[in-house]
PDB file of all heavy atoms in Angstrom:
ATOM      1  N   ARG A   1     -74.419-174.397  97.481  1.00  0.00           N
ATOM      2  CA  ARG A   1     -74.908-173.528  98.550  1.00  0.00           C
ATOM      3  C   ARG A   1     -75.072-172.123  98.002  1.00  0.00           C
ATOM      4  O   ARG A   1     -74.405-171.715  97.047  1.00  0.00           O
ATOM      5  CB  ARG A   1     -73.971-173.535  99.759  1.00  0.00           C
ATOM      6  CG  ARG A   1     -72.626-172.898  99.526  1.00  0.00           C
ATOM      7  CD  ARG A   1     -71.686-173.094 100.733  1.00  0.00           C
ATOM      8  NE  ARG A   1     -72.164-172.418 101.935  1.00  0.00           N
ATOM      9  CZ  ARG A   1     -71.686-172.665 103.162  1.00  0.00           C
ATOM     10  NH1 ARG A   1     -70.744-173.582 103.337  1.00  0.00           N
ATOM     11  NH2 ARG A   1     -72.155-172.004 104.207  1.00  0.00           N
ATOM     12  N   ASP A   2     -75.969-171.367  98.641  1.00  0.00           N
ATOM     13  CA  ASP A   2     -76.207-169.976  98.296  1.00  0.00           C
ATOM     14  C   ASP A   2     -76.131-169.186  99.589  1.00  0.00           C
ATOM     15  O   ASP A   2     -77.085-169.140 100.361  1.00  0.00           O
ATOM     16  CB  ASP A   2     -77.580-169.820  97.625  1.00  0.00           C
ATOM     17  CG  ASP A   2     -77.843-168.409  97.126  1.00  0.00           C
ATOM     18  OD1 ASP A   2     -77.275-167.444  97.685  1.00  0.00           O
ATOM     19  OD2 ASP A   2     -78.640-168.265  96.197  1.00  0.00           O
ATOM     20  N   ASN A   3     -74.996-168.583  99.841  1.00  0.00           N
ATOM     21  CA  ASN A   3     -74.795-167.899 101.124  1.00  0.00           C
ATOM     22  C   ASN A   3     -75.704-166.685 101.272  1.00  0.00           C
ATOM     23  O   ASN A   3     -76.141-166.364 102.375  1.00  0.00           O
ATOM     24  CB  ASN A   3     -73.335-167.480 101.272  1.00  0.00           C
ATOM     25  CG  ASN A   3     -72.419-168.659 101.530  1.00  0.00           C
ATOM     26  OD1 ASN A   3     -72.841-169.690 102.048  1.00  0.00           O
ATOM     27  ND2 ASN A   3     -71.162-168.524 101.151  1.00  0.00           N
ATOM     28  N   ALA A   4     -75.988-166.001 100.192  1.00  0.00           N
ATOM     29  CA  ALA A   4     -76.848-164.820 100.265  1.00  0.00           C
ATOM     30  C   ALA A   4     -78.248-165.192 100.746  1.00  0.00           C
ATOM     31  O   ALA A   4     -78.895-164.422 101.468  1.00  0.00           O
ATOM     32  CB  ALA A   4     -76.906-164.132  98.916  1.00  0.00           C
ATOM     33  N   LYS A   5     -78.718-166.365 100.352  1.00  0.00           N
ATOM     34  CA  LYS A   5     -80.046-166.821 100.734  1.00  0.00           C
ATOM     35  C   LYS A   5     -80.020-167.728 101.966  1.00  0.00           C
ATOM     36  O   LYS A   5     -81.071-168.155 102.436  1.00  0.00           O
ATOM     37  CB  LYS A   5     -80.699-167.572  99.577  1.00  0.00           C
ATOM     38  CG  LYS A   5     -80.977-166.711  98.359  1.00  0.00           C
ATOM     39  CD  LYS A   5     -81.662-167.520  97.266  1.00  0.00           C
ATOM     40  CE  LYS A   5     -81.957-166.652  96.062  1.00  0.00           C
ATOM     41  NZ  LYS A   5     -82.606-167.441  94.962  1.00  0.00           N
ATOM     42  N   LYS A   6     -78.816-168.023 102.465  1.00  0.00           N
ATOM     43  CA  LYS A   6     -78.657-168.946 103.597  1.00  0.00           C
ATOM     44  C   LYS A   6     -79.305-170.288 103.273  1.00  0.00           C
ATOM     45  O   LYS A   6     -80.080-170.843 104.069  1.00  0.00           O
ATOM     46  CB  LYS A   6     -79.241-168.368 104.885  1.00  0.00           C
ATOM     47  CG  LYS A   6     -78.557-167.097 105.366  1.00  0.00           C
ATOM     48  CD  LYS A   6     -79.133-166.634 106.692  1.00  0.00           C
ATOM     49  CE  LYS A   6     -78.530-165.321 107.127  1.00  0.00           C
ATOM     50  NZ  LYS A   6     -79.119-164.843 108.399  1.00  0.00           N
ATOM     51  N   MET A   7     -78.984-170.795 102.098  1.00  0.00           N
ATOM     52  CA  MET A   7     -79.552-172.057 101.640  1.00  0.00           C
ATOM     53  C   MET A   7     -78.440-173.017 101.239  1.00  0.00           C
ATOM     54  O   MET A   7     -77.389-172.604 100.719  1.00  0.00           O
ATOM     55  CB  MET A   7     -80.451-171.839 100.430  1.00  0.00           C
ATOM     56  CG  MET A   7     -81.664-170.971 100.673  1.00  0.00           C
ATOM     57  SD  MET A   7     -82.933-171.789 101.665  1.00  0.00           S
ATOM     58  CE  MET A   7     -83.456-173.094 100.541  1.00  0.00           C
ATOM     59  N   VAL A   8     -78.688-174.289 101.473  1.00  0.00           N
ATOM     60  CA  VAL A   8     -77.831-175.335 100.927  1.00  0.00           C
ATOM     61  C   VAL A   8     -78.742-176.390 100.323  1.00  0.00           C
ATOM     62  O   VAL A   8     -79.850-176.634 100.821  1.00  0.00           O
ATOM     63  CB  VAL A   8     -76.886-175.927 102.000  1.00  0.00           C
ATOM     64  CG1 VAL A   8     -77.659-176.580 103.122  1.00  0.00           C
ATOM     65  CG2 VAL A   8     -75.903-176.883 101.378  1.00  0.00           C
ATOM     66  N   TYR A   9     -78.311-176.972  99.222  1.00  0.00           N
ATOM     67  CA  TYR A   9     -79.134-177.895  98.454  1.00  0.00           C
ATOM     68  C   TYR A   9     -78.432-179.241  98.324  1.00  0.00           C
ATOM     69  O   TYR A   9     -77.212-179.347  98.488  1.00  0.00           O
ATOM     70  CB  TYR A   9     -79.405-177.327  97.067  1.00  0.00           C
ATOM     71  CG  TYR A   9     -79.986-175.930  97.084  1.00  0.00           C
ATOM     72  CD1 TYR A   9     -79.161-174.814  96.978  1.00  0.00           C
ATOM     73  CD2 TYR A   9     -81.351-175.733  97.220  1.00  0.00           C
ATOM     74  CE1 TYR A   9     -79.688-173.530  97.006  1.00  0.00           C
ATOM     75  CE2 TYR A   9     -81.885-174.449  97.255  1.00  0.00           C
ATOM     76  CZ  TYR A   9     -81.045-173.358  97.143  1.00  0.00           C
ATOM     77  OH  TYR A   9     -81.570-172.085  97.185  1.00  0.00           O
ATOM     78  N   LEU A  10     -79.196-180.242  98.022  1.00  0.00           N
ATOM     79  CA  LEU A  10     -78.633-181.542  97.668  1.00  0.00           C
ATOM     80  C   LEU A  10     -79.330-181.992  96.395  1.00  0.00           C
ATOM     81  O   LEU A  10     -80.513-182.328  96.411  1.00  0.00           O
ATOM     82  CB  LEU A  10     -78.817-182.572  98.781  1.00  0.00           C
ATOM     83  CG  LEU A  10     -78.089-183.895  98.540  1.00  0.00           C
ATOM     84  CD1 LEU A  10     -76.571-183.692  98.625  1.00  0.00           C
ATOM     85  CD2 LEU A  10     -78.520-184.951  99.557  1.00  0.00           C
ATOM     86  N   GLN A  11     -78.599-181.939  95.298  1.00  0.00           N
ATOM     87  CA  GLN A  11     -79.110-182.429  94.025  1.00  0.00           C
ATOM     88  C   GLN A  11     -78.770-183.904  93.921  1.00  0.00           C
ATOM     89  O   GLN A  11     -77.598-184.277  93.929  1.00  0.00           O
ATOM     90  CB  GLN A  11     -78.495-181.652  92.861  1.00  0.00           C
ATOM     91  CG  GLN A  11     -78.943-182.127  91.492  1.00  0.00           C
ATOM     92  CD  GLN A  11     -80.427-181.911  91.258  1.00  0.00           C
ATOM     93  OE1 GLN A  11     -80.964-180.845  91.571  1.00  0.00           O
ATOM     94  NE2 GLN A  11     -81.097-182.921  90.727  1.00  0.00           N
ATOM     95  N   MET A  12     -79.795-184.724  93.838  1.00  0.00           N
ATOM     96  CA  MET A  12     -79.612-186.173  93.837  1.00  0.00           C
ATOM     97  C   MET A  12     -80.083-186.730  92.495  1.00  0.00           C
ATOM     98  O   MET A  12     -81.256-186.587  92.148  1.00  0.00           O
ATOM     99  CB  MET A  12     -80.406-186.810  94.976  1.00  0.00           C
ATOM    100  CG  MET A  12     -80.081-186.223  96.343  1.00  0.00           C
ATOM    101  SD  MET A  12     -80.889-187.094  97.697  1.00  0.00           S
ATOM    102  CE  MET A  12     -82.603-186.716  97.342  1.00  0.00           C
ATOM    103  N   ASN A  13     -79.172-187.319  91.762  1.00  0.00           N
ATOM    104  CA  ASN A  13     -79.475-187.927  90.466  1.00  0.00           C
ATOM    105  C   ASN A  13     -79.216-189.431  90.526  1.00  0.00           C
ATOM    106  O   ASN A  13     -78.534-189.914  91.422  1.00  0.00           O
ATOM    107  CB  ASN A  13     -78.619-187.291  89.380  1.00  0.00           C
ATOM    108  CG  ASN A  13     -78.845-185.796  89.246  1.00  0.00           C
ATOM    109  OD1 ASN A  13     -79.957-185.294  89.423  1.00  0.00           O
ATOM    110  ND2 ASN A  13     -77.778-185.058  88.937  1.00  0.00           N
ATOM    111  N   SER A  14     -79.757-190.131  89.565  1.00  0.00           N
ATOM    112  CA  SER A  14     -79.564-191.588  89.465  1.00  0.00           C
ATOM    113  C   SER A  14     -79.831-192.273  90.799  1.00  0.00           C
ATOM    114  O   SER A  14     -79.031-193.083  91.287  1.00  0.00           O
ATOM    115  CB  SER A  14     -78.135-191.895  88.990  1.00  0.00           C
ATOM    116  OG  SER A  14     -77.872-191.278  87.749  1.00  0.00           O
ATOM    117  N   LEU A  15     -80.954-191.936  91.389  1.00  0.00           N
ATOM    118  CA  LEU A  15     -81.272-192.440  92.715  1.00  0.00           C
ATOM    119  C   LEU A  15     -81.454-193.953  92.716  1.00  0.00           C
ATOM    120  O   LEU A  15     -81.946-194.541  91.740  1.00  0.00           O
ATOM    121  CB  LEU A  15     -82.512-191.742  93.259  1.00  0.00           C
ATOM    122  CG  LEU A  15     -82.253-190.332  93.786  1.00  0.00           C
ATOM    123  CD1 LEU A  15     -83.537-189.533  93.877  1.00  0.00           C
ATOM    124  CD2 LEU A  15     -81.563-190.393  95.144  1.00  0.00           C
ATOM    125  N   LYS A  16     -81.049-194.544  93.843  1.00  0.00           N
ATOM    126  CA  LYS A  16     -81.122-195.988  94.026  1.00  0.00           C
ATOM    127  C   LYS A  16     -81.993-196.289  95.256  1.00  0.00           C
ATOM    128  O   LYS A  16     -82.109-195.449  96.149  1.00  0.00           O
ATOM    129  CB  LYS A  16     -79.718-196.553  94.259  1.00  0.00           C
ATOM    130  CG  LYS A  16     -78.717-196.228  93.173  1.00  0.00           C
ATOM    131  CD  LYS A  16     -77.329-196.745  93.537  1.00  0.00           C
ATOM    132  CE  LYS A  16     -76.310-196.423  92.460  1.00  0.00           C
ATOM    133  NZ  LYS A  16     -74.947-196.926  92.832  1.00  0.00           N
ATOM    134  N   PRO A  17     -82.544-197.483  95.320  1.00  0.00           N
ATOM    135  CA  PRO A  17     -83.347-197.831  96.516  1.00  0.00           C
ATOM    136  C   PRO A  17     -82.561-197.658  97.817  1.00  0.00           C
ATOM    137  O   PRO A  17     -83.148-197.283  98.841  1.00  0.00           O
ATOM    138  CB  PRO A  17     -83.711-199.287  96.261  1.00  0.00           C
ATOM    139  CG  PRO A  17     -83.763-199.400  94.765  1.00  0.00           C
ATOM    140  CD  PRO A  17     -82.654-198.516  94.274  1.00  0.00           C
ATOM    141  N   GLU A  18     -81.274-197.896  97.776  1.00  0.00           N
ATOM    142  CA  GLU A  18     -80.472-197.756  98.996  1.00  0.00           C
ATOM    143  C   GLU A  18     -80.262-196.306  99.414  1.00  0.00           C
ATOM    144  O   GLU A  18     -79.694-196.034 100.475  1.00  0.00           O
ATOM    145  CB  GLU A  18     -79.111-198.453  98.847  1.00  0.00           C
ATOM    146  CG  GLU A  18     -78.336-198.084  97.603  1.00  0.00           C
ATOM    147  CD  GLU A  18     -78.550-199.080  96.458  1.00  0.00           C
ATOM    148  OE1 GLU A  18     -79.704-199.512  96.246  1.00  0.00           O
ATOM    149  OE2 GLU A  18     -77.554-199.398  95.771  1.00  0.00           O
ATOM    150  N   ASP A  19     -80.710-195.363  98.612  1.00  0.00           N
ATOM    151  CA  ASP A  19     -80.688-193.955  99.013  1.00  0.00           C
ATOM    152  C   ASP A  19     -81.887-193.594  99.886  1.00  0.00           C
ATOM    153  O   ASP A  19     -81.966-192.471 100.399  1.00  0.00           O
ATOM    154  CB  ASP A  19     -80.668-193.044  97.782  1.00  0.00           C
ATOM    155  CG  ASP A  19     -79.399-193.181  96.958  1.00  0.00           C
ATOM    156  OD1 ASP A  19     -78.312-193.253  97.549  1.00  0.00           O
ATOM    157  OD2 ASP A  19     -79.504-193.213  95.702  1.00  0.00           O
ATOM    158  N   THR A  20     -82.820-194.513 100.039  1.00  0.00           N
ATOM    159  CA  THR A  20     -83.994-194.275 100.866  1.00  0.00           C
ATOM    160  C   THR A  20     -83.579-193.998 102.308  1.00  0.00           C
ATOM    161  O   THR A  20     -82.863-194.791 102.919  1.00  0.00           O
ATOM    162  CB  THR A  20     -84.933-195.481 100.814  1.00  0.00           C
ATOM    163  OG1 THR A  20     -85.429-195.618  99.475  1.00  0.00           O
ATOM    164  CG2 THR A  20     -86.102-195.304 101.775  1.00  0.00           C
ATOM    165  N   ALA A  21     -84.011-192.850 102.832  1.00  0.00           N
ATOM    166  CA  ALA A  21     -83.625-192.435 104.175  1.00  0.00           C
ATOM    167  C   ALA A  21     -84.312-191.120 104.490  1.00  0.00           C
ATOM    168  O   ALA A  21     -84.896-190.482 103.607  1.00  0.00           O
ATOM    169  CB  ALA A  21     -82.111-192.260 104.279  1.00  0.00           C
ATOM    170  N   VAL A  22     -84.199-190.714 105.745  1.00  0.00           N
ATOM    171  CA  VAL A  22     -84.536-189.346 106.116  1.00  0.00           C
ATOM    172  C   VAL A  22     -83.257-188.522 105.986  1.00  0.00           C
ATOM    173  O   VAL A  22     -82.211-188.912 106.509  1.00  0.00           O
ATOM    174  CB  VAL A  22     -85.087-189.257 107.551  1.00  0.00           C
ATOM    175  CG1 VAL A  22     -85.399-187.807 107.905  1.00  0.00           C
ATOM    176  CG2 VAL A  22     -86.338-190.124 107.690  1.00  0.00           C
ATOM    177  N   TYR A  23     -83.359-187.423 105.279  1.00  0.00           N
ATOM    178  CA  TYR A  23     -82.202-186.573 105.015  1.00  0.00           C
ATOM    179  C   TYR A  23     -82.269-185.321 105.885  1.00  0.00           C
ATOM    180  O   TYR A  23     -83.327-184.685 106.004  1.00  0.00           O
ATOM    181  CB  TYR A  23     -82.145-186.188 103.542  1.00  0.00           C
ATOM    182  CG  TYR A  23     -81.668-187.323 102.654  1.00  0.00           C
ATOM    183  CD1 TYR A  23     -82.477-188.424 102.406  1.00  0.00           C
ATOM    184  CD2 TYR A  23     -80.392-187.296 102.089  1.00  0.00           C
ATOM    185  CE1 TYR A  23     -82.027-189.479 101.621  1.00  0.00           C
ATOM    186  CE2 TYR A  23     -79.936-188.334 101.296  1.00  0.00           C
ATOM    187  CZ  TYR A  23     -80.768-189.429 101.067  1.00  0.00           C
ATOM    188  OH  TYR A  23     -80.309-190.466 100.276  1.00  0.00           O
ATOM    189  N   TYR A  24     -81.122-184.977 106.465  1.00  0.00           N
ATOM    190  CA  TYR A  24     -81.006-183.821 107.344  1.00  0.00           C
ATOM    191  C   TYR A  24     -79.853-182.944 106.872  1.00  0.00           C
ATOM    192  O   TYR A  24     -78.839-183.454 106.389  1.00  0.00           O
ATOM    193  CB  TYR A  24     -80.683-184.256 108.774  1.00  0.00           C
ATOM    194  CG  TYR A  24     -81.650-185.218 109.404  1.00  0.00           C
ATOM    195  CD1 TYR A  24     -81.536-186.595 109.210  1.00  0.00           C
ATOM    196  CD2 TYR A  24     -82.670-184.761 110.235  1.00  0.00           C
ATOM    197  CE1 TYR A  24     -82.411-187.484 109.804  1.00  0.00           C
ATOM    198  CE2 TYR A  24     -83.549-185.644 110.842  1.00  0.00           C
ATOM    199  CZ  TYR A  24     -83.414-187.001 110.614  1.00  0.00           C
ATOM    200  OH  TYR A  24     -84.296-187.871 111.222  1.00  0.00           O
ATOM    201  N   CYS A  25     -79.991-181.659 107.065  1.00  0.00           N
ATOM    202  CA  CYS A  25     -78.832-180.788 106.870  1.00  0.00           C
ATOM    203  C   CYS A  25     -78.389-180.271 108.233  1.00  0.00           C
ATOM    204  O   CYS A  25     -79.183-180.167 109.177  1.00  0.00           O
ATOM    205  CB  CYS A  25     -79.125-179.645 105.919  1.00  0.00           C
ATOM    206  SG  CYS A  25     -80.208-178.372 106.561  1.00  0.00           S
ATOM    207  N   ALA A  26     -77.112-179.979 108.329  1.00  0.00           N
ATOM    208  CA  ALA A  26     -76.543-179.473 109.580  1.00  0.00           C
ATOM    209  C   ALA A  26     -75.170-178.915 109.277  1.00  0.00           C
ATOM    210  O   ALA A  26     -74.600-179.152 108.202  1.00  0.00           O
ATOM    211  CB  ALA A  26     -76.444-180.585 110.619  1.00  0.00           C
ATOM    212  N   SER A  27     -74.644-178.197 110.237  1.00  0.00           N
ATOM    213  CA  SER A  27     -73.258-177.779 110.112  1.00  0.00           C
ATOM    214  C   SER A  27     -72.362-179.001 110.319  1.00  0.00           C
ATOM    215  O   SER A  27     -72.790-180.022 110.859  1.00  0.00           O
ATOM    216  CB  SER A  27     -72.931-176.690 111.137  1.00  0.00           C
ATOM    217  OG  SER A  27     -73.179-177.159 112.445  1.00  0.00           O
ATOM    218  N   VAL A  28     -71.133-178.902 109.871  1.00  0.00           N
ATOM    219  CA  VAL A  28     -70.179-179.991 110.043  1.00  0.00           C
ATOM    220  C   VAL A  28     -68.998-179.448 110.847  1.00  0.00           C
ATOM    221  O   VAL A  28     -68.284-178.567 110.343  1.00  0.00           O
ATOM    222  CB  VAL A  28     -69.700-180.545 108.685  1.00  0.00           C
ATOM    223  CG1 VAL A  28     -68.697-181.682 108.896  1.00  0.00           C
ATOM    224  CG2 VAL A  28     -70.894-181.027 107.863  1.00  0.00           C
ATOM    225  N   PRO A  29     -68.771-179.943 112.079  1.00  0.00           N
ATOM    226  CA  PRO A  29     -69.569-180.954 112.766  1.00  0.00           C
ATOM    227  C   PRO A  29     -70.894-180.381 113.230  1.00  0.00           C
ATOM    228  O   PRO A  29     -71.021-179.163 113.399  1.00  0.00           O
ATOM    229  CB  PRO A  29     -68.681-181.337 113.957  1.00  0.00           C
ATOM    230  CG  PRO A  29     -67.874-180.115 114.238  1.00  0.00           C
ATOM    231  CD  PRO A  29     -67.618-179.499 112.898  1.00  0.00           C
ATOM    232  N   PRO A  30     -71.864-181.270 113.450  1.00  0.00           N
ATOM    233  CA  PRO A  30     -73.188-180.786 113.869  1.00  0.00           C
ATOM    234  C   PRO A  30     -73.144-180.174 115.271  1.00  0.00           C
ATOM    235  O   PRO A  30     -72.462-180.674 116.152  1.00  0.00           O
ATOM    236  CB  PRO A  30     -74.054-182.057 113.877  1.00  0.00           C
ATOM    237  CG  PRO A  30     -73.304-183.054 113.080  1.00  0.00           C
ATOM    238  CD  PRO A  30     -71.854-182.719 113.241  1.00  0.00           C
ATOM    239  N   THR A  31     -73.861-179.086 115.455  1.00  0.00           N
ATOM    240  CA  THR A  31     -74.027-178.468 116.766  1.00  0.00           C
ATOM    241  C   THR A  31     -75.500-178.116 116.938  1.00  0.00           C
ATOM    242  O   THR A  31     -76.184-177.805 115.974  1.00  0.00           O
ATOM    243  CB  THR A  31     -73.185-177.188 116.904  1.00  0.00           C
ATOM    244  OG1 THR A  31     -73.587-176.251 115.892  1.00  0.00           O
ATOM    245  CG2 THR A  31     -71.705-177.483 116.741  1.00  0.00           C
ATOM    246  N   GLY A  32     -75.966-178.183 118.158  1.00  0.00           N
ATOM    247  CA  GLY A  32     -77.355-177.865 118.408  1.00  0.00           C
ATOM    248  C   GLY A  32     -78.276-179.002 117.972  1.00  0.00           C
ATOM    249  O   GLY A  32     -77.835-180.125 117.713  1.00  0.00           O
ATOM    250  N   SER A  33     -79.538-178.697 117.893  1.00  0.00           N
ATOM    251  CA  SER A  33     -80.532-179.718 117.588  1.00  0.00           C
ATOM    252  C   SER A  33     -80.646-179.965 116.089  1.00  0.00           C
ATOM    253  O   SER A  33     -80.333-179.097 115.270  1.00  0.00           O
ATOM    254  CB  SER A  33     -81.885-179.307 118.156  1.00  0.00           C
ATOM    255  OG  SER A  33     -82.283-178.054 117.608  1.00  0.00           O
ATOM    256  N   TRP A  34     -81.111-181.140 115.728  1.00  0.00           N
ATOM    257  CA  TRP A  34     -81.350-181.491 114.337  1.00  0.00           C
ATOM    258  C   TRP A  34     -82.712-180.943 113.897  1.00  0.00           C
ATOM    259  O   TRP A  34     -83.614-180.765 114.705  1.00  0.00           O
ATOM    260  CB  TRP A  34     -81.344-183.004 114.163  1.00  0.00           C
ATOM    261  CG  TRP A  34     -79.995-183.617 114.365  1.00  0.00           C
ATOM    262  CD1 TRP A  34     -79.479-184.084 115.540  1.00  0.00           C
ATOM    263  CD2 TRP A  34     -78.984-183.825 113.369  1.00  0.00           C
ATOM    264  NE1 TRP A  34     -78.216-184.576 115.333  1.00  0.00           N
ATOM    265  CE2 TRP A  34     -77.879-184.435 114.013  1.00  0.00           C
ATOM    266  CE3 TRP A  34     -78.901-183.574 112.007  1.00  0.00           C
ATOM    267  CZ2 TRP A  34     -76.714-184.786 113.341  1.00  0.00           C
ATOM    268  CZ3 TRP A  34     -77.734-183.914 111.332  1.00  0.00           C
ATOM    269  CH2 TRP A  34     -76.661-184.510 111.989  1.00  0.00           C
ATOM    270  N   GLY A  35     -82.848-180.717 112.595  1.00  0.00           N
ATOM    271  CA  GLY A  35     -84.142-180.363 112.044  1.00  0.00           C
ATOM    272  C   GLY A  35     -85.025-181.587 111.964  1.00  0.00           C
ATOM    273  O   GLY A  35     -84.656-182.677 112.403  1.00  0.00           O
ATOM    274  N   GLN A  36     -86.195-181.410 111.349  1.00  0.00           N
ATOM    275  CA  GLN A  36     -87.133-182.532 111.265  1.00  0.00           C
ATOM    276  C   GLN A  36     -86.778-183.502 110.156  1.00  0.00           C
ATOM    277  O   GLN A  36     -87.260-184.624 110.111  1.00  0.00           O
ATOM    278  CB  GLN A  36     -88.566-182.011 111.064  1.00  0.00           C
ATOM    279  CG  GLN A  36     -88.931-181.673 109.623  1.00  0.00           C
ATOM    280  CD  GLN A  36     -88.326-180.372 109.136  1.00  0.00           C
ATOM    281  OE1 GLN A  36     -87.692-179.638 109.894  1.00  0.00           O
ATOM    282  NE2 GLN A  36     -88.531-180.061 107.861  1.00  0.00           N
ATOM    283  N   GLY A  37     -85.905-183.072 109.259  1.00  0.00           N
ATOM    284  CA  GLY A  37     -85.504-183.922 108.146  1.00  0.00           C
ATOM    285  C   GLY A  37     -86.571-183.977 107.068  1.00  0.00           C
ATOM    286  O   GLY A  37     -87.687-183.471 107.220  1.00  0.00           O
ATOM    287  N   THR A  38     -86.211-184.588 105.954  1.00  0.00           N
ATOM    288  CA  THR A  38     -87.152-184.787 104.864  1.00  0.00           C
ATOM    289  C   THR A  38     -86.983-186.206 104.325  1.00  0.00           C
ATOM    290  O   THR A  38     -85.857-186.664 104.098  1.00  0.00           O
ATOM    291  CB  THR A  38     -86.958-183.725 103.754  1.00  0.00           C
ATOM    292  OG1 THR A  38     -87.990-183.854 102.773  1.00  0.00           O
ATOM    293  CG2 THR A  38     -85.591-183.814 103.079  1.00  0.00           C
ATOM    294  N   GLN A  39     -88.094-186.900 104.165  1.00  0.00           N
ATOM    295  CA  GLN A  39     -88.059-188.307 103.778  1.00  0.00           C
ATOM    296  C   GLN A  39     -87.841-188.441 102.273  1.00  0.00           C
ATOM    297  O   GLN A  39     -88.554-187.823 101.471  1.00  0.00           O
ATOM    298  CB  GLN A  39     -89.364-188.996 104.169  1.00  0.00           C
ATOM    299  CG  GLN A  39     -89.484-190.438 103.705  1.00  0.00           C
ATOM    300  CD  GLN A  39     -88.568-191.382 104.474  1.00  0.00           C
ATOM    301  OE1 GLN A  39     -88.509-191.352 105.698  1.00  0.00           O
ATOM    302  NE2 GLN A  39     -87.847-192.236 103.742  1.00  0.00           N
ATOM    303  N   VAL A  40     -86.891-189.278 101.909  1.00  0.00           N
ATOM    304  CA  VAL A  40     -86.665-189.646 100.506  1.00  0.00           C
ATOM    305  C   VAL A  40     -86.885-191.148 100.391  1.00  0.00           C
ATOM    306  O   VAL A  40     -86.254-191.924 101.103  1.00  0.00           O
ATOM    307  CB  VAL A  40     -85.246-189.271 100.050  1.00  0.00           C
ATOM    308  CG1 VAL A  40     -84.960-189.834  98.662  1.00  0.00           C
ATOM    309  CG2 VAL A  40     -85.068-187.757 100.059  1.00  0.00           C
ATOM    310  N   THR A  41     -87.787-191.517  99.505  1.00  0.00           N
ATOM    311  CA  THR A  41     -88.069-192.930  99.273  1.00  0.00           C
ATOM    312  C   THR A  41     -87.860-193.226  97.795  1.00  0.00           C
ATOM    313  O   THR A  41     -88.473-192.581  96.932  1.00  0.00           O
ATOM    314  CB  THR A  41     -89.501-193.285  99.674  1.00  0.00           C
ATOM    315  OG1 THR A  41     -89.698-192.958 101.061  1.00  0.00           O
ATOM    316  CG2 THR A  41     -89.771-194.765  99.473  1.00  0.00           C
ATOM    317  N   VAL A  42     -86.981-194.168  97.519  1.00  0.00           N
ATOM    318  CA  VAL A  42     -86.687-194.561  96.142  1.00  0.00           C
ATOM    319  C   VAL A  42     -87.237-195.974  95.946  1.00  0.00           C
ATOM    320  O   VAL A  42     -86.724-196.941  96.508  1.00  0.00           O
ATOM    321  CB  VAL A  42     -85.185-194.522  95.844  1.00  0.00           C
ATOM    322  CG1 VAL A  42     -84.933-194.820  94.369  1.00  0.00           C
ATOM    323  CG2 VAL A  42     -84.600-193.167  96.229  1.00  0.00           C
TER     324      VAL A  42
END
């Protein structure tokens, strides 16, 4: 995460077909609405 930029990242290596999904970021626990997500297809 980069707090100065208000960014959080997910570095994904050695991807597998079972990682295929729509990925969302949120606070933990989630509050408010979800974003649109981003599709990852392996």
